[in-house]
Amino acid sequence: MATKDVVGRHGENLVARRLEEAGWRVLERNWRCDQGELDIVALDGDCLVAVEVKTRRSAAFGSPQEAVTREKLYRLRRLVAAWLSAQERHFREVRIDVCAVTLPAAGAAIVEHLRGVE
């Protein structure tokens, strides 16, 4: 049985690979500061995107996207601001996306990409 960390890492790897295949440029993975962690920071064209990845093996405890609460979004906004303040480059557009990954017992992973989560 896979641990929560292994399941989460698998979901993040899957999402990072899909983003790159879609032409995105991944700038950071698992960027950390004293306020927390950003799973993926990437460029979608000229837009900087912080991607929160939530991975579940089933919906027994709710869907992956349900784990992104209002409080989590508030923390993600603070983390994005911290990441941006550490950069020399400026970005005209910034958004937060959520990638909800479900890993069924059989078959391919199901990935739902929610863009511009408010």
PDB file of N, CA and C in Angstrom:
ATOM      1  N   MET A   1       0.838  -1.185   0.000  1.00  0.00           N
ATOM      2  CA  MET A   1       0.000   0.000   0.000  1.00  0.00           C
ATOM      3  C   MET A   1       0.887   1.255   0.000  1.00  0.00           C
ATOM      4  N   ALA A   2       0.602   2.163  -0.901  1.00  0.00           N
ATOM      5  CA  ALA A   2       1.415   3.365  -1.041  1.00  0.00           C
ATOM      6  C   ALA A   2       1.078   4.371   0.060  1.00  0.00           C
ATOM      7  N   THR A   3       2.112   5.044   0.525  1.00  0.00           N
ATOM      8  CA  THR A   3       1.895   6.074   1.537  1.00  0.00           C
ATOM      9  C   THR A   3       1.347   7.333   0.888  1.00  0.00           C
ATOM     10  N   LYS A   4       0.824   8.220   1.715  1.00  0.00           N
ATOM     11  CA  LYS A   4       0.276   9.483   1.232  1.00  0.00           C
ATOM     12  C   LYS A   4       1.330  10.274   0.450  1.00  0.00           C
ATOM     13  N   ASP A   5       2.569  10.302   0.952  1.00  0.00           N
ATOM     14  CA  ASP A   5       3.638  11.039   0.270  1.00  0.00           C
ATOM     15  C   ASP A   5       3.960  10.453  -1.093  1.00  0.00           C
ATOM     16  N   VAL A   6       3.971   9.119  -1.185  1.00  0.00           N
ATOM     17  CA  VAL A   6       4.256   8.458  -2.458  1.00  0.00           C
ATOM     18  C   VAL A   6       3.136   8.745  -3.457  1.00  0.00           C
ATOM     19  N   VAL A   7       1.902   8.668  -3.003  1.00  0.00           N
ATOM     20  CA  VAL A   7       0.754   8.957  -3.864  1.00  0.00           C
ATOM     21  C   VAL A   7       0.813  10.410  -4.332  1.00  0.00           C
ATOM     22  N   GLY A   8       1.088  11.337  -3.425  1.00  0.00           N
ATOM     23  CA  GLY A   8       1.191  12.748  -3.782  1.00  0.00           C
ATOM     24  C   GLY A   8       2.305  13.021  -4.771  1.00  0.00           C
ATOM     25  N   ARG A   9       3.461  12.414  -4.550  1.00  0.00           N
ATOM     26  CA  ARG A   9       4.598  12.607  -5.464  1.00  0.00           C
ATOM     27  C   ARG A   9       4.268  12.061  -6.857  1.00  0.00           C
ATOM     28  N   HIS A  10       3.588  10.916  -6.898  1.00  0.00           N
ATOM     29  CA  HIS A  10       3.199  10.332  -8.189  1.00  0.00           C
ATOM     30  C   HIS A  10       2.275  11.293  -8.939  1.00  0.00           C
ATOM     31  N   GLY A  11       1.298  11.862  -8.243  1.00  0.00           N
ATOM     32  CA  GLY A  11       0.389  12.822  -8.867  1.00  0.00           C
ATOM     33  C   GLY A  11       1.122  14.052  -9.375  1.00  0.00           C
ATOM     34  N   GLU A  12       2.044  14.568  -8.585  1.00  0.00           N
ATOM     35  CA  GLU A  12       2.822  15.742  -9.008  1.00  0.00           C
ATOM     36  C   GLU A  12       3.671  15.435 -10.233  1.00  0.00           C
ATOM     37  N   ASN A  13       4.303  14.264 -10.257  1.00  0.00           N
ATOM     38  CA  ASN A  13       5.105  13.868 -11.425  1.00  0.00           C
ATOM     39  C   ASN A  13       4.239  13.769 -12.670  1.00  0.00           C
ATOM     40  N   LEU A  14       3.074  13.170 -12.520  1.00  0.00           N
ATOM     41  CA  LEU A  14       2.147  13.016 -13.641  1.00  0.00           C
ATOM     42  C   LEU A  14       1.715  14.381 -14.179  1.00  0.00           C
ATOM     43  N   VAL A  15       1.343  15.279 -13.285  1.00  0.00           N
ATOM     44  CA  VAL A  15       0.902  16.610 -13.703  1.00  0.00           C
ATOM     45  C   VAL A  15       2.048  17.389 -14.352  1.00  0.00           C
ATOM     46  N   ALA A  16       3.232  17.363 -13.764  1.00  0.00           N
ATOM     47  CA  ALA A  16       4.375  18.088 -14.341  1.00  0.00           C
ATOM     48  C   ALA A  16       4.664  17.598 -15.758  1.00  0.00           C
ATOM     49  N   ARG A  17       4.620  16.296 -15.938  1.00  0.00           N
ATOM     50  CA  ARG A  17       4.868  15.712 -17.271  1.00  0.00           C
ATOM     51  C   ARG A  17       3.796  16.180 -18.264  1.00  0.00           C
ATOM     52  N   ARG A  18       2.535  16.168 -17.845  1.00  0.00           N
ATOM     53  CA  ARG A  18       1.446  16.600 -18.739  1.00  0.00           C
ATOM     54  C   ARG A  18       1.554  18.082 -19.085  1.00  0.00           C
ATOM     55  N   LEU A  19       1.937  18.905 -18.111  1.00  0.00           N
ATOM     56  CA  LEU A  19       2.100  20.330 -18.387  1.00  0.00           C
ATOM     57  C   LEU A  19       3.197  20.551 -19.414  1.00  0.00           C
ATOM     58  N   GLU A  20       4.319  19.870 -19.238  1.00  0.00           N
ATOM     59  CA  GLU A  20       5.430  20.015 -20.192  1.00  0.00           C
ATOM     60  C   GLU A  20       5.031  19.521 -21.576  1.00  0.00           C
ATOM     61  N   GLU A  21       4.280  18.425 -21.633  1.00  0.00           N
ATOM     62  CA  GLU A  21       3.816  17.912 -22.923  1.00  0.00           C
ATOM     63  C   GLU A  21       2.866  18.896 -23.606  1.00  0.00           C
ATOM     64  N   ALA A  22       2.168  19.704 -22.808  1.00  0.00           N
ATOM     65  CA  ALA A  22       1.250  20.716 -23.341  1.00  0.00           C
ATOM     66  C   ALA A  22       1.978  22.008 -23.713  1.00  0.00           C
ATOM     67  N   GLY A  23       3.307  22.019 -23.543  1.00  0.00           N
ATOM     68  CA  GLY A  23       4.102  23.182 -23.922  1.00  0.00           C
ATOM     69  C   GLY A  23       4.403  24.156 -22.799  1.00  0.00           C
ATOM     70  N   TRP A  24       4.011  23.820 -21.576  1.00  0.00           N
ATOM     71  CA  TRP A  24       4.325  24.675 -20.441  1.00  0.00           C
ATOM     72  C   TRP A  24       5.790  24.497 -20.067  1.00  0.00           C
ATOM     73  N   ARG A  25       6.341  25.488 -19.388  1.00  0.00           N
ATOM     74  CA  ARG A  25       7.713  25.400 -18.880  1.00  0.00           C
ATOM     75  C   ARG A  25       7.658  25.370 -17.356  1.00  0.00           C
ATOM     76  N   VAL A  26       8.055  24.246 -16.783  1.00  0.00           N
ATOM     77  CA  VAL A  26       8.060  24.116 -15.326  1.00  0.00           C
ATOM     78  C   VAL A  26       9.300  24.825 -14.793  1.00  0.00           C
ATOM     79  N   LEU A  27       9.080  25.814 -13.920  1.00  0.00           N
ATOM     80  CA  LEU A  27      10.180  26.596 -13.348  1.00  0.00           C
ATOM     81  C   LEU A  27      10.636  26.038 -12.005  1.00  0.00           C
ATOM     82  N   GLU A  28       9.694  25.566 -11.210  1.00  0.00           N
ATOM     83  CA  GLU A  28      10.005  25.063  -9.860  1.00  0.00           C
ATOM     84  C   GLU A  28       9.095  23.893  -9.539  1.00  0.00           C
ATOM     85  N   ARG A  29       9.641  22.979  -8.740  1.00  0.00           N
ATOM     86  CA  ARG A  29       8.840  21.890  -8.177  1.00  0.00           C
ATOM     87  C   ARG A  29       9.090  21.880  -6.683  1.00  0.00           C
ATOM     88  N   ASN A  30       8.029  21.824  -5.924  1.00  0.00           N
ATOM     89  CA  ASN A  30       8.109  21.754  -4.470  1.00  0.00           C
ATOM     90  C   ASN A  30       8.927  22.905  -3.875  1.00  0.00           C
ATOM     91  N   TRP A  31       8.626  24.120  -4.331  1.00  0.00           N
ATOM     92  CA  TRP A  31       9.306  25.308  -3.802  1.00  0.00           C
ATOM     93  C   TRP A  31       8.803  25.555  -2.386  1.00  0.00           C
ATOM     94  N   ARG A  32       9.741  25.734  -1.469  1.00  0.00           N
ATOM     95  CA  ARG A  32       9.385  25.904  -0.057  1.00  0.00           C
ATOM     96  C   ARG A  32       9.927  27.213   0.496  1.00  0.00           C
ATOM     97  N   CYS A  33       9.145  27.730   1.437  1.00  0.00           N
ATOM     98  CA  CYS A  33       9.587  28.862   2.259  1.00  0.00           C
ATOM     99  C   CYS A  33       8.979  28.642   3.640  1.00  0.00           C
ATOM    100  N   ASP A  34       9.182  29.589   4.541  1.00  0.00           N
ATOM    101  CA  ASP A  34       8.672  29.399   5.898  1.00  0.00           C
ATOM    102  C   ASP A  34       7.146  29.384   5.976  1.00  0.00           C
ATOM    103  N   GLN A  35       6.468  29.802   4.913  1.00  0.00           N
ATOM    104  CA  GLN A  35       5.006  29.832   4.903  1.00  0.00           C
ATOM    105  C   GLN A  35       4.375  28.561   4.339  1.00  0.00           C
ATOM    106  N   GLY A  36       5.176  27.726   3.681  1.00  0.00           N
ATOM    107  CA  GLY A  36       4.626  26.505   3.093  1.00  0.00           C
ATOM    108  C   GLY A  36       5.318  26.126   1.806  1.00  0.00           C
ATOM    109  N   GLU A  37       4.571  25.455   0.930  1.00  0.00           N
ATOM    110  CA  GLU A  37       5.152  24.906  -0.289  1.00  0.00           C
ATOM    111  C   GLU A  37       4.223  25.097  -1.478  1.00  0.00           C
ATOM    112  N   LEU A  38       4.824  25.424  -2.626  1.00  0.00           N
ATOM    113  CA  LEU A  38       4.120  25.428  -3.907  1.00  0.00           C
ATOM    114  C   LEU A  38       4.508  24.146  -4.634  1.00  0.00           C
ATOM    115  N   ASP A  39       3.516  23.378  -5.085  1.00  0.00           N
ATOM    116  CA  ASP A  39       3.807  22.108  -5.743  1.00  0.00           C
ATOM    117  C   ASP A  39       4.547  22.323  -7.064  1.00  0.00           C
ATOM    118  N   ILE A  40       3.967  23.147  -7.929  1.00  0.00           N
ATOM    119  CA  ILE A  40       4.568  23.413  -9.240  1.00  0.00           C
ATOM    120  C   ILE A  40       4.393  24.891  -9.554  1.00  0.00           C
ATOM    121  N   VAL A  41       5.464  25.512 -10.036  1.00  0.00           N
ATOM    122  CA  VAL A  41       5.402  26.870 -10.565  1.00  0.00           C
ATOM    123  C   VAL A  41       5.818  26.744 -12.025  1.00  0.00           C
ATOM    124  N   ALA A  42       4.960  27.226 -12.932  1.00  0.00           N
ATOM    125  CA  ALA A  42       5.215  27.013 -14.356  1.00  0.00           C
ATOM    126  C   ALA A  42       4.791  28.226 -15.168  1.00  0.00           C
ATOM    127  N   LEU A  43       5.232  28.241 -16.411  1.00  0.00           N
ATOM    128  CA  LEU A  43       4.817  29.270 -17.361  1.00  0.00           C
ATOM    129  C   LEU A  43       3.898  28.637 -18.392  1.00  0.00           C
ATOM    130  N   ASP A  44       2.716  29.214 -18.530  1.00  0.00           N
ATOM    131  CA  ASP A  44       1.765  28.858 -19.585  1.00  0.00           C
ATOM    132  C   ASP A  44       1.798  30.033 -20.542  1.00  0.00           C
ATOM    133  N   GLY A  45       2.670  29.956 -21.531  1.00  0.00           N
ATOM    134  CA  GLY A  45       2.930  31.117 -22.374  1.00  0.00           C
ATOM    135  C   GLY A  45       3.649  32.156 -21.546  1.00  0.00           C
ATOM    136  N   ASP A  46       3.056  33.345 -21.426  1.00  0.00           N
ATOM    137  CA  ASP A  46       3.636  34.421 -20.614  1.00  0.00           C
ATOM    138  C   ASP A  46       3.039  34.480 -19.208  1.00  0.00           C
ATOM    139  N   CYS A  47       2.089  33.619 -18.921  1.00  0.00           N
ATOM    140  CA  CYS A  47       1.396  33.636 -17.632  1.00  0.00           C
ATOM    141  C   CYS A  47       2.102  32.726 -16.627  1.00  0.00           C
ATOM    142  N   LEU A  48       2.415  33.283 -15.471  1.00  0.00           N
ATOM    143  CA  LEU A  48       2.983  32.483 -14.392  1.00  0.00           C
ATOM    144  C   LEU A  48       1.831  31.766 -13.692  1.00  0.00           C
ATOM    145  N   VAL A  49       1.983  30.459 -13.505  1.00  0.00           N
ATOM    146  CA  VAL A  49       0.920  29.668 -12.894  1.00  0.00           C
ATOM    147  C   VAL A  49       1.485  28.860 -11.726  1.00  0.00           C
ATOM    148  N   ALA A  50       0.862  29.029 -10.557  1.00  0.00           N
ATOM    149  CA  ALA A  50       1.148  28.158  -9.421  1.00  0.00           C
ATOM    150  C   ALA A  50       0.119  27.037  -9.491  1.00  0.00           C
ATOM    151  N   VAL A  51       0.602  25.807  -9.559  1.00  0.00           N
ATOM    152  CA  VAL A  51      -0.291  24.660  -9.707  1.00  0.00           C
ATOM    153  C   VAL A  51      -0.291  23.859  -8.410  1.00  0.00           C
ATOM    154  N   GLU A  52      -1.451  23.786  -7.794  1.00  0.00           N
ATOM    155  CA  GLU A  52      -1.644  22.957  -6.605  1.00  0.00           C
ATOM    156  C   GLU A  52      -2.135  21.597  -7.083  1.00  0.00           C
ATOM    157  N   VAL A  53      -1.416  20.552  -6.708  1.00  0.00           N
ATOM    158  CA  VAL A  53      -1.778  19.199  -7.128  1.00  0.00           C
ATOM    159  C   VAL A  53      -2.347  18.455  -5.922  1.00  0.00           C
ATOM    160  N   LYS A  54      -3.540  17.919  -6.082  1.00  0.00           N
ATOM    161  CA  LYS A  54      -4.171  17.099  -5.052  1.00  0.00           C
ATOM    162  C   LYS A  54      -4.434  15.729  -5.657  1.00  0.00           C
ATOM    163  N   THR A  55      -3.912  14.703  -5.006  1.00  0.00           N
ATOM    164  CA  THR A  55      -4.021  13.341  -5.524  1.00  0.00           C
ATOM    165  C   THR A  55      -4.714  12.451  -4.510  1.00  0.00           C
ATOM    166  N   ARG A  56      -5.645  11.651  -5.006  1.00  0.00           N
ATOM    167  CA  ARG A  56      -6.361  10.691  -4.169  1.00  0.00           C
ATOM    168  C   ARG A  56      -6.431   9.351  -4.893  1.00  0.00           C
ATOM    169  N   ARG A  57      -6.527   8.296  -4.105  1.00  0.00           N
ATOM    170  CA  ARG A  57      -6.712   6.964  -4.690  1.00  0.00           C
ATOM    171  C   ARG A  57      -8.181   6.635  -4.875  1.00  0.00           C
ATOM    172  N   SER A  58      -9.044   7.356  -4.192  1.00  0.00           N
ATOM    173  CA  SER A  58     -10.490   7.163  -4.335  1.00  0.00           C
ATOM    174  C   SER A  58     -11.179   8.431  -3.842  1.00  0.00           C
ATOM    175  N   ALA A  59     -12.501   8.443  -3.997  1.00  0.00           N
ATOM    176  CA  ALA A  59     -13.278   9.583  -3.518  1.00  0.00           C
ATOM    177  C   ALA A  59     -13.893   9.291  -2.157  1.00  0.00           C
ATOM    178  N   ALA A  60     -13.391   8.286  -1.472  1.00  0.00           N
ATOM    179  CA  ALA A  60     -13.944   7.891  -0.176  1.00  0.00           C
ATOM    180  C   ALA A  60     -13.935   9.037   0.830  1.00  0.00           C
ATOM    181  N   PHE A  61     -12.947   9.905   0.753  1.00  0.00           N
ATOM    182  CA  PHE A  61     -12.856  11.041   1.669  1.00  0.00           C
ATOM    183  C   PHE A  61     -13.066  12.353   0.923  1.00  0.00           C
ATOM    184  N   GLY A  62     -13.793  12.306  -0.179  1.00  0.00           N
ATOM    185  CA  GLY A  62     -14.050  13.487  -0.989  1.00  0.00           C
ATOM    186  C   GLY A  62     -13.146  13.527  -2.205  1.00  0.00           C
ATOM    187  N   SER A  63     -13.535  14.348  -3.154  1.00  0.00           N
ATOM    188  CA  SER A  63     -12.737  14.475  -4.374  1.00  0.00           C
ATOM    189  C   SER A  63     -11.460  15.261  -4.074  1.00  0.00           C
ATOM    190  N   PRO A  64     -10.447  15.103  -4.906  1.00  0.00           N
ATOM    191  CA  PRO A  64      -9.196  15.844  -4.658  1.00  0.00           C
ATOM    192  C   PRO A  64      -9.409  17.356  -4.618  1.00  0.00           C
ATOM    193  N   GLN A  65     -10.231  17.872  -5.515  1.00  0.00           N
ATOM    194  CA  GLN A  65     -10.413  19.323  -5.548  1.00  0.00           C
ATOM    195  C   GLN A  65     -11.122  19.849  -4.310  1.00  0.00           C
ATOM    196  N   GLU A  66     -11.893  19.012  -3.630  1.00  0.00           N
ATOM    197  CA  GLU A  66     -12.548  19.451  -2.393  1.00  0.00           C
ATOM    198  C   GLU A  66     -11.538  19.740  -1.288  1.00  0.00           C
ATOM    199  N   ALA A  67     -10.326  19.215  -1.415  1.00  0.00           N
ATOM    200  CA  ALA A  67      -9.283  19.461  -0.414  1.00  0.00           C
ATOM    201  C   ALA A  67      -8.703  20.868  -0.518  1.00  0.00           C
ATOM    202  N   VAL A  68      -9.028  21.575  -1.602  1.00  0.00           N
ATOM    203  CA  VAL A  68      -8.540  22.950  -1.772  1.00  0.00           C
ATOM    204  C   VAL A  68      -9.622  23.886  -1.239  1.00  0.00           C
ATOM    205  N   THR A  69      -9.501  24.182   0.026  1.00  0.00           N
ATOM    206  CA  THR A  69     -10.472  25.011   0.731  1.00  0.00           C
ATOM    207  C   THR A  69     -10.165  26.503   0.539  1.00  0.00           C
ATOM    208  N   ARG A  70     -11.047  27.335   1.014  1.00  0.00           N
ATOM    209  CA  ARG A  70     -10.834  28.787   0.981  1.00  0.00           C
ATOM    210  C   ARG A  70      -9.539  29.152   1.716  1.00  0.00           C
ATOM    211  N   GLU A  71      -9.294  28.496   2.860  1.00  0.00           N
ATOM    212  CA  GLU A  71      -8.071  28.762   3.623  1.00  0.00           C
ATOM    213  C   GLU A  71      -6.827  28.338   2.834  1.00  0.00           C
ATOM    214  N   LYS A  72      -6.920  27.214   2.142  1.00  0.00           N
ATOM    215  CA  LYS A  72      -5.795  26.740   1.329  1.00  0.00           C
ATOM    216  C   LYS A  72      -5.510  27.732   0.204  1.00  0.00           C
ATOM    217  N   LEU A  73      -6.557  28.245  -0.439  1.00  0.00           N
ATOM    218  CA  LEU A  73      -6.365  29.236  -1.501  1.00  0.00           C
ATOM    219  C   LEU A  73      -5.725  30.508  -0.966  1.00  0.00           C
ATOM    220  N   TYR A  74      -6.129  30.925   0.219  1.00  0.00           N
ATOM    221  CA  TYR A  74      -5.529  32.106   0.836  1.00  0.00           C
ATOM    222  C   TYR A  74      -4.038  31.876   1.052  1.00  0.00           C
ATOM    223  N   ARG A  75      -3.674  30.686   1.562  1.00  0.00           N
ATOM    224  CA  ARG A  75      -2.261  30.369   1.784  1.00  0.00           C
ATOM    225  C   ARG A  75      -1.509  30.294   0.462  1.00  0.00           C
ATOM    226  N   LEU A  76      -2.132  29.743  -0.582  1.00  0.00           N
ATOM    227  CA  LEU A  76      -1.483  29.679  -1.896  1.00  0.00           C
ATOM    228  C   LEU A  76      -1.200  31.079  -2.427  1.00  0.00           C
ATOM    229  N   ARG A  77      -2.126  31.993  -2.238  1.00  0.00           N
ATOM    230  CA  ARG A  77      -1.894  33.380  -2.684  1.00  0.00           C
ATOM    231  C   ARG A  77      -0.695  33.991  -1.974  1.00  0.00           C
ATOM    232  N   ARG A  78      -0.585  33.753  -0.671  1.00  0.00           N
ATOM    233  CA  ARG A  78       0.579  34.265   0.085  1.00  0.00           C
ATOM    234  C   ARG A  78       1.869  33.619  -0.411  1.00  0.00           C
ATOM    235  N   LEU A  79       1.810  32.316  -0.704  1.00  0.00           N
ATOM    236  CA  LEU A  79       3.004  31.631  -1.198  1.00  0.00           C
ATOM    237  C   LEU A  79       3.428  32.153  -2.569  1.00  0.00           C
ATOM    238  N   VAL A  80       2.459  32.407  -3.431  1.00  0.00           N
ATOM    239  CA  VAL A  80       2.774  32.970  -4.751  1.00  0.00           C
ATOM    240  C   VAL A  80       3.430  34.335  -4.577  1.00  0.00           C
ATOM    241  N   ALA A  81       2.909  35.148  -3.680  1.00  0.00           N
ATOM    242  CA  ALA A  81       3.502  36.467  -3.426  1.00  0.00           C
ATOM    243  C   ALA A  81       4.933  36.324  -2.915  1.00  0.00           C
ATOM    244  N   ALA A  82       5.170  35.352  -2.046  1.00  0.00           N
ATOM    245  CA  ALA A  82       6.527  35.120  -1.536  1.00  0.00           C
ATOM    246  C   ALA A  82       7.452  34.669  -2.650  1.00  0.00           C
ATOM    247  N   TRP A  83       6.959  33.778  -3.515  1.00  0.00           N
ATOM    248  CA  TRP A  83       7.779  33.304  -4.638  1.00  0.00           C
ATOM    249  C   TRP A  83       8.119  34.478  -5.556  1.00  0.00           C
ATOM    250  N   LEU A  84       7.110  35.279  -5.886  1.00  0.00           N
ATOM    251  CA  LEU A  84       7.331  36.421  -6.775  1.00  0.00           C
ATOM    252  C   LEU A  84       8.323  37.417  -6.187  1.00  0.00           C
ATOM    253  N   SER A  85       8.265  37.643  -4.886  1.00  0.00           N
ATOM    254  CA  SER A  85       9.177  38.608  -4.265  1.00  0.00           C
ATOM    255  C   SER A  85      10.619  38.125  -4.285  1.00  0.00           C
ATOM    256  N   ALA A  86      10.820  36.823  -4.439  1.00  0.00           N
ATOM    257  CA  ALA A  86      12.168  36.262  -4.495  1.00  0.00           C
ATOM    258  C   ALA A  86      12.730  36.249  -5.916  1.00  0.00           C
ATOM    259  N   GLN A  87      11.945  36.731  -6.884  1.00  0.00           N
ATOM    260  CA  GLN A  87      12.362  36.688  -8.288  1.00  0.00           C
ATOM    261  C   GLN A  87      12.811  38.060  -8.772  1.00  0.00           C
ATOM    262  N   GLU A  88      13.719  38.051  -9.713  1.00  0.00           N
ATOM    263  CA  GLU A  88      14.114  39.302 -10.352  1.00  0.00           C
ATOM    264  C   GLU A  88      13.198  39.624 -11.525  1.00  0.00           C
ATOM    265  N   ARG A  89      12.640  38.592 -12.117  1.00  0.00           N
ATOM    266  CA  ARG A  89      11.757  38.744 -13.267  1.00  0.00           C
ATOM    267  C   ARG A  89      10.354  39.118 -12.795  1.00  0.00           C
ATOM    268  N   HIS A  90       9.655  39.903 -13.601  1.00  0.00           N
ATOM    269  CA  HIS A  90       8.278  40.291 -13.297  1.00  0.00           C
ATOM    270  C   HIS A  90       7.342  39.640 -14.308  1.00  0.00           C
ATOM    271  N   PHE A  91       6.143  39.342 -13.881  1.00  0.00           N
ATOM    272  CA  PHE A  91       5.167  38.669 -14.719  1.00  0.00           C
ATOM    273  C   PHE A  91       3.916  39.529 -14.799  1.00  0.00           C
ATOM    274  N   ARG A  92       3.396  39.713 -16.005  1.00  0.00           N
ATOM    275  CA  ARG A  92       2.194  40.538 -16.201  1.00  0.00           C
ATOM    276  C   ARG A  92       0.946  39.827 -15.726  1.00  0.00           C
ATOM    277  N   GLU A  93       0.936  38.522 -15.843  1.00  0.00           N
ATOM    278  CA  GLU A  93      -0.249  37.751 -15.475  1.00  0.00           C
ATOM    279  C   GLU A  93       0.165  36.601 -14.570  1.00  0.00           C
ATOM    280  N   VAL A  94      -0.607  36.396 -13.508  1.00  0.00           N
ATOM    281  CA  VAL A  94      -0.340  35.326 -12.543  1.00  0.00           C
ATOM    282  C   VAL A  94      -1.676  34.676 -12.209  1.00  0.00           C
ATOM    283  N   ARG A  95      -1.676  33.362 -12.134  1.00  0.00           N
ATOM    284  CA  ARG A  95      -2.904  32.684 -11.724  1.00  0.00           C
ATOM    285  C   ARG A  95      -2.572  31.440 -10.914  1.00  0.00           C
ATOM    286  N   ILE A  96      -3.603  30.913 -10.258  1.00  0.00           N
ATOM    287  CA  ILE A  96      -3.477  29.668  -9.501  1.00  0.00           C
ATOM    288  C   ILE A  96      -4.392  28.635 -10.139  1.00  0.00           C
ATOM    289  N   ASP A  97      -3.839  27.487 -10.468  1.00  0.00           N
ATOM    290  CA  ASP A  97      -4.594  26.358 -11.005  1.00  0.00           C
ATOM    291  C   ASP A  97      -4.563  25.226  -9.999  1.00  0.00           C
ATOM    292  N   VAL A  98      -5.556  24.364 -10.077  1.00  0.00           N
ATOM    293  CA  VAL A  98      -5.587  23.146  -9.274  1.00  0.00           C
ATOM    294  C   VAL A  98      -5.680  21.968 -10.225  1.00  0.00           C
ATOM    295  N   CYS A  99      -4.821  20.993 -10.025  1.00  0.00           N
ATOM    296  CA  CYS A  99      -4.917  19.743 -10.771  1.00  0.00           C
ATOM    297  C   CYS A  99      -5.325  18.657  -9.790  1.00  0.00           C
ATOM    298  N   ALA A 100      -6.516  18.113 -10.020  1.00  0.00           N
ATOM    299  CA  ALA A 100      -7.071  17.067  -9.174  1.00  0.00           C
ATOM    300  C   ALA A 100      -6.808  15.729  -9.855  1.00  0.00           C
ATOM    301  N   VAL A 101      -6.055  14.863  -9.183  1.00  0.00           N
ATOM    302  CA  VAL A 101      -5.658  13.578  -9.749  1.00  0.00           C
ATOM    303  C   VAL A 101      -6.307  12.462  -8.936  1.00  0.00           C
ATOM    304  N   THR A 102      -6.986  11.564  -9.640  1.00  0.00           N
ATOM    305  CA  THR A 102      -7.537  10.373  -9.003  1.00  0.00           C
ATOM    306  C   THR A 102      -6.845   9.167  -9.611  1.00  0.00           C
ATOM    307  N   LEU A 103      -6.321   8.312  -8.736  1.00  0.00           N
ATOM    308  CA  LEU A 103      -5.611   7.102  -9.168  1.00  0.00           C
ATOM    309  C   LEU A 103      -6.495   5.887  -8.867  1.00  0.00           C
ATOM    310  N   PRO A 104      -7.286   5.451  -9.852  1.00  0.00           N
ATOM    311  CA  PRO A 104      -8.162   4.309  -9.592  1.00  0.00           C
ATOM    312  C   PRO A 104      -7.362   3.022  -9.406  1.00  0.00           C
ATOM    313  N   ALA A 105      -7.991   2.031  -8.813  1.00  0.00           N
ATOM    314  CA  ALA A 105      -7.326   0.740  -8.588  1.00  0.00           C
ATOM    315  C   ALA A 105      -6.889   0.107  -9.904  1.00  0.00           C
ATOM    316  N   ALA A 106      -7.643   0.338 -10.957  1.00  0.00           N
ATOM    317  CA  ALA A 106      -7.286  -0.179 -12.279  1.00  0.00           C
ATOM    318  C   ALA A 106      -7.505   0.920 -13.307  1.00  0.00           C
ATOM    319  N   GLY A 107      -6.675   0.944 -14.302  1.00  0.00           N
ATOM    320  CA  GLY A 107      -6.830   1.926 -15.366  1.00  0.00           C
ATOM    321  C   GLY A 107      -5.968   3.155 -15.160  1.00  0.00           C
ATOM    322  N   ALA A 108      -6.107   4.059 -16.110  1.00  0.00           N
ATOM    323  CA  ALA A 108      -5.290   5.271 -16.128  1.00  0.00           C
ATOM    324  C   ALA A 108      -5.761   6.284 -15.098  1.00  0.00           C
ATOM    325  N   ALA A 109      -4.839   7.123 -14.695  1.00  0.00           N
ATOM    326  CA  ALA A 109      -5.148   8.217 -13.771  1.00  0.00           C
ATOM    327  C   ALA A 109      -6.129   9.179 -14.430  1.00  0.00           C
ATOM    328  N   ILE A 110      -6.967   9.777 -13.610  1.00  0.00           N
ATOM    329  CA  ILE A 110      -7.917  10.787 -14.076  1.00  0.00           C
ATOM    330  C   ILE A 110      -7.413  12.126 -13.567  1.00  0.00           C
ATOM    331  N   VAL A 111      -7.154  13.054 -14.487  1.00  0.00           N
ATOM    332  CA  VAL A 111      -6.630  14.369 -14.122  1.00  0.00           C
ATOM    333  C   VAL A 111      -7.631  15.431 -14.569  1.00  0.00           C
ATOM    334  N   GLU A 112      -8.075  16.239 -13.607  1.00  0.00           N
ATOM    335  CA  GLU A 112      -8.950  17.358 -13.906  1.00  0.00           C
ATOM    336  C   GLU A 112      -8.170  18.635 -13.608  1.00  0.00           C
ATOM    337  N   HIS A 113      -7.996  19.472 -14.635  1.00  0.00           N
ATOM    338  CA  HIS A 113      -7.222  20.703 -14.508  1.00  0.00           C
ATOM    339  C   HIS A 113      -8.194  21.878 -14.399  1.00  0.00           C
ATOM    340  N   LEU A 114      -8.208  22.509 -13.239  1.00  0.00           N
ATOM    341  CA  LEU A 114      -9.064  23.668 -12.979  1.00  0.00           C
ATOM    342  C   LEU A 114      -8.209  24.914 -13.078  1.00  0.00           C
ATOM    343  N   ARG A 115      -8.502  25.759 -14.050  1.00  0.00           N
ATOM    344  CA  ARG A 115      -7.691  26.955 -14.305  1.00  0.00           C
ATOM    345  C   ARG A 115      -8.264  28.187 -13.621  1.00  0.00           C
ATOM    346  N   GLY A 116      -7.363  28.992 -13.090  1.00  0.00           N
ATOM    347  CA  GLY A 116      -7.769  30.258 -12.504  1.00  0.00           C
ATOM    348  C   GLY A 116      -8.701  30.113 -11.327  1.00  0.00           C
ATOM    349  N   VAL A 117      -8.341  29.266 -10.409  1.00  0.00           N
ATOM    350  CA  VAL A 117      -9.164  29.017  -9.232  1.00  0.00           C
ATOM    351  C   VAL A 117      -9.164  30.270  -8.350  1.00  0.00           C
ATOM    352  N   GLU A 118     -10.315  30.684  -7.954  1.00  0.00           N
ATOM    353  CA  GLU A 118     -10.458  31.868  -7.090  1.00  0.00           C
ATOM    354  C   GLU A 118     -10.816  31.379  -5.738  1.00  0.00           C
TER     355      GLU A 118
END
